[in-house]
C-alpha atoms as a PDB file:
ATOM      1  CA  MET A   1     105.803 101.681 104.614  1.00  0.00           C
ATOM      2  CA  ALA A   2     102.852  99.379 105.153  1.00  0.00           C
ATOM      3  CA  ILE A   3     102.681  95.602 105.037  1.00  0.00           C
ATOM      4  CA  VAL A   4      99.292  94.156 104.144  1.00  0.00           C
ATOM      5  CA  SER A   5      98.574  90.452 104.661  1.00  0.00           C
ATOM      6  CA  LEU A   6      95.457  88.690 103.441  1.00  0.00           C
ATOM      7  CA  VAL A   7      94.763  85.023 102.673  1.00  0.00           C
ATOM      8  CA  ASP A   8      98.402  83.932 103.145  1.00  0.00           C
ATOM      9  CA  GLN A   9      99.650  86.709 100.827  1.00  0.00           C
ATOM     10  CA  THR A  10     101.708  89.709 101.929  1.00  0.00           C
ATOM     11  CA  ILE A  11     102.141  92.984 100.054  1.00  0.00           C
ATOM     12  CA  GLU A  12     104.681  95.623 101.094  1.00  0.00           C
ATOM     13  CA  LEU A  13     103.694  99.160 100.108  1.00  0.00           C
ATOM     14  CA  LEU A  14     106.313 101.927 100.107  1.00  0.00           C
ATOM     15  CA  GLU A  15     105.875 105.639  99.572  1.00  0.00           C
ATOM     16  CA  TYR A  16     108.995 107.761  99.243  1.00  0.00           C
ATOM     17  CA  GLN A  17     108.717 111.305 100.554  1.00  0.00           C
ATOM     18  CA  GLY A  18     110.962 114.281 100.016  1.00  0.00           C
ATOM     19  CA  SER A  19     112.362 112.973  96.725  1.00  0.00           C
ATOM     20  CA  ASP A  20     112.310 114.949  93.513  1.00  0.00           C
ATOM     21  CA  ARG A  21     110.693 113.171  90.594  1.00  0.00           C
ATOM     22  CA  PRO A  22     113.349 112.106  88.079  1.00  0.00           C
ATOM     23  CA  SER A  23     113.256 113.480  84.535  1.00  0.00           C
ATOM     24  CA  VAL A  24     114.617 110.218  83.064  1.00  0.00           C
ATOM     25  CA  PRO A  25     113.135 106.710  83.331  1.00  0.00           C
ATOM     26  CA  ALA A  26     113.733 105.260  86.784  1.00  0.00           C
ATOM     27  CA  LYS A  27     115.733 102.136  87.558  1.00  0.00           C
ATOM     28  CA  PRO A  28     114.166  99.504  89.862  1.00  0.00           C
ATOM     29  CA  PHE A  29     116.302 100.609  92.820  1.00  0.00           C
ATOM     30  CA  ASP A  30     115.506 104.345  92.449  1.00  0.00           C
ATOM     31  CA  PRO A  31     113.168 105.933  95.032  1.00  0.00           C
ATOM     32  CA  GLY A  32     109.670 106.097  93.630  1.00  0.00           C
ATOM     33  CA  PHE A  33     110.032 103.252  91.132  1.00  0.00           C
ATOM     34  CA  ALA A  34     106.893 101.091  91.203  1.00  0.00           C
ATOM     35  CA  HIS A  35     107.234  97.315  91.005  1.00  0.00           C
ATOM     36  CA  LEU A  36     105.946  94.135  92.612  1.00  0.00           C
ATOM     37  CA  ALA A  37     108.153  92.009  94.844  1.00  0.00           C
ATOM     38  CA  LEU A  38     107.152  88.358  95.177  1.00  0.00           C
ATOM     39  CA  VAL A  39     108.546  85.833  97.656  1.00  0.00           C
ATOM     40  CA  VAL A  40     109.422  82.517  95.995  1.00  0.00           C
ATOM     41  CA  ASP A  41     110.716  79.149  97.206  1.00  0.00           C
ATOM     42  CA  ASP A  42     113.280  78.496  94.439  1.00  0.00           C
ATOM     43  CA  ILE A  43     114.507  81.600  92.650  1.00  0.00           C
ATOM     44  CA  ASP A  44     116.803  79.700  90.270  1.00  0.00           C
ATOM     45  CA  ALA A  45     114.032  77.390  89.019  1.00  0.00           C
ATOM     46  CA  LEU A  46     111.693  80.365  88.692  1.00  0.00           C
ATOM     47  CA  LEU A  47     114.169  82.261  86.484  1.00  0.00           C
ATOM     48  CA  VAL A  48     114.441  79.293  84.136  1.00  0.00           C
ATOM     49  CA  ARG A  49     110.670  78.992  83.956  1.00  0.00           C
ATOM     50  CA  ILE A  50     109.930  82.678  83.266  1.00  0.00           C
ATOM     51  CA  ALA A  51     112.679  82.929  80.616  1.00  0.00           C
ATOM     52  CA  ALA A  52     110.531  80.713  78.411  1.00  0.00           C
ATOM     53  CA  TYR A  53     107.923  83.509  78.453  1.00  0.00           C
ATOM     54  CA  GLY A  54     110.339  86.283  77.496  1.00  0.00           C
ATOM     55  CA  TRP A  55     111.268  87.536  80.972  1.00  0.00           C
ATOM     56  CA  LYS A  56     114.907  88.553  81.397  1.00  0.00           C
ATOM     57  CA  ALA A  57     116.736  88.391  84.717  1.00  0.00           C
ATOM     58  CA  GLN A  58     118.728  91.519  85.468  1.00  0.00           C
ATOM     59  CA  GLY A  59     121.986  89.850  86.473  1.00  0.00           C
ATOM     60  CA  ILE A  60     122.128  87.038  89.010  1.00  0.00           C
ATOM     61  CA  PRO A  61     120.348  86.704  92.359  1.00  0.00           C
ATOM     62  CA  GLN A  62     122.123  88.723  95.043  1.00  0.00           C
ATOM     63  CA  PRO A  63     121.927  88.096  98.799  1.00  0.00           C
ATOM     64  CA  ILE A  64     120.833  90.897 101.108  1.00  0.00           C
ATOM     65  CA  ALA A  65     123.848  91.488 103.347  1.00  0.00           C
ATOM     66  CA  SER A  66     122.268  92.767 106.560  1.00  0.00           C
ATOM     67  CA  GLY A  67     119.088  93.767 108.317  1.00  0.00           C
ATOM     68  CA  ALA A  68     115.805  91.961 108.791  1.00  0.00           C
ATOM     69  CA  ARG A  69     116.065  90.241 105.396  1.00  0.00           C
ATOM     70  CA  ALA A  70     119.749  89.240 105.620  1.00  0.00           C
ATOM     71  CA  GLY A  71     120.450  86.176 103.496  1.00  0.00           C
ATOM     72  CA  THR A  72     117.395  86.683 101.280  1.00  0.00           C
ATOM     73  CA  ARG A  73     118.332  86.319  97.606  1.00  0.00           C
ATOM     74  CA  VAL A  74     116.804  88.969  95.343  1.00  0.00           C
ATOM     75  CA  ILE A  75     116.688  89.741  91.629  1.00  0.00           C
ATOM     76  CA  TYR A  76     114.725  91.923  89.246  1.00  0.00           C
ATOM     77  CA  ALA A  77     113.263  90.482  86.046  1.00  0.00           C
ATOM     78  CA  VAL A  78     111.856  92.484  83.147  1.00  0.00           C
ATOM     79  CA  GLY A  79     109.013  91.125  81.061  1.00  0.00           C
ATOM     80  CA  PRO A  80     108.518  91.442  77.319  1.00  0.00           C
ATOM     81  CA  ASP A  81     106.212  94.435  77.917  1.00  0.00           C
ATOM     82  CA  GLY A  82     108.769  96.218  80.134  1.00  0.00           C
ATOM     83  CA  ALA A  83     107.113  95.412  83.469  1.00  0.00           C
ATOM     84  CA  THR A  84     109.540  94.755  86.331  1.00  0.00           C
ATOM     85  CA  ILE A  85     109.056  92.205  89.111  1.00  0.00           C
ATOM     86  CA  GLU A  86     111.424  91.664  92.021  1.00  0.00           C
ATOM     87  CA  PHE A  87     111.731  88.081  93.228  1.00  0.00           C
ATOM     88  CA  MET A  88     112.882  87.299  96.769  1.00  0.00           C
ATOM     89  CA  GLN A  89     113.920  83.905  98.154  1.00  0.00           C
ATOM     90  CA  PRO A  90     114.277  83.900 101.945  1.00  0.00           C
ATOM     91  CA  PRO A  91     117.147  81.879 103.384  1.00  0.00           C
ATOM     92  CA  ALA A  92     116.447  78.274 104.382  1.00  0.00           C
ATOM     93  CA  SER A  93     115.430  78.027 108.013  1.00  0.00           C
ATOM     94  CA  VAL A  94     117.098  75.706 110.473  1.00  0.00           C
ATOM     95  CA  GLN A  95     113.998  73.476 110.219  1.00  0.00           C
ATOM     96  CA  ASP A  96     114.634  72.991 106.481  1.00  0.00           C
ATOM     97  CA  LEU A  97     118.125  71.583 107.031  1.00  0.00           C
END
């Protein structure tokens, strides 16, 4: 894993090792599946906005239960061309309350 930050943007790069390549199309949560994950301020408003352009949310935003990103709401969306993007909304900080 590598995290690259440049000009107030952060990209997380993952490379899975020791996994066999699947013979069927991968799902977004399968090791080796390539997708972008973007951090957003308001995931619900974003889903409404992208739906107008043919993007389909894959369910409803789910909170991460534990670990460094606990409380972050995440969801995958699939575009009209089949591209997948993961959206992540970090929990509100104490300062935001």
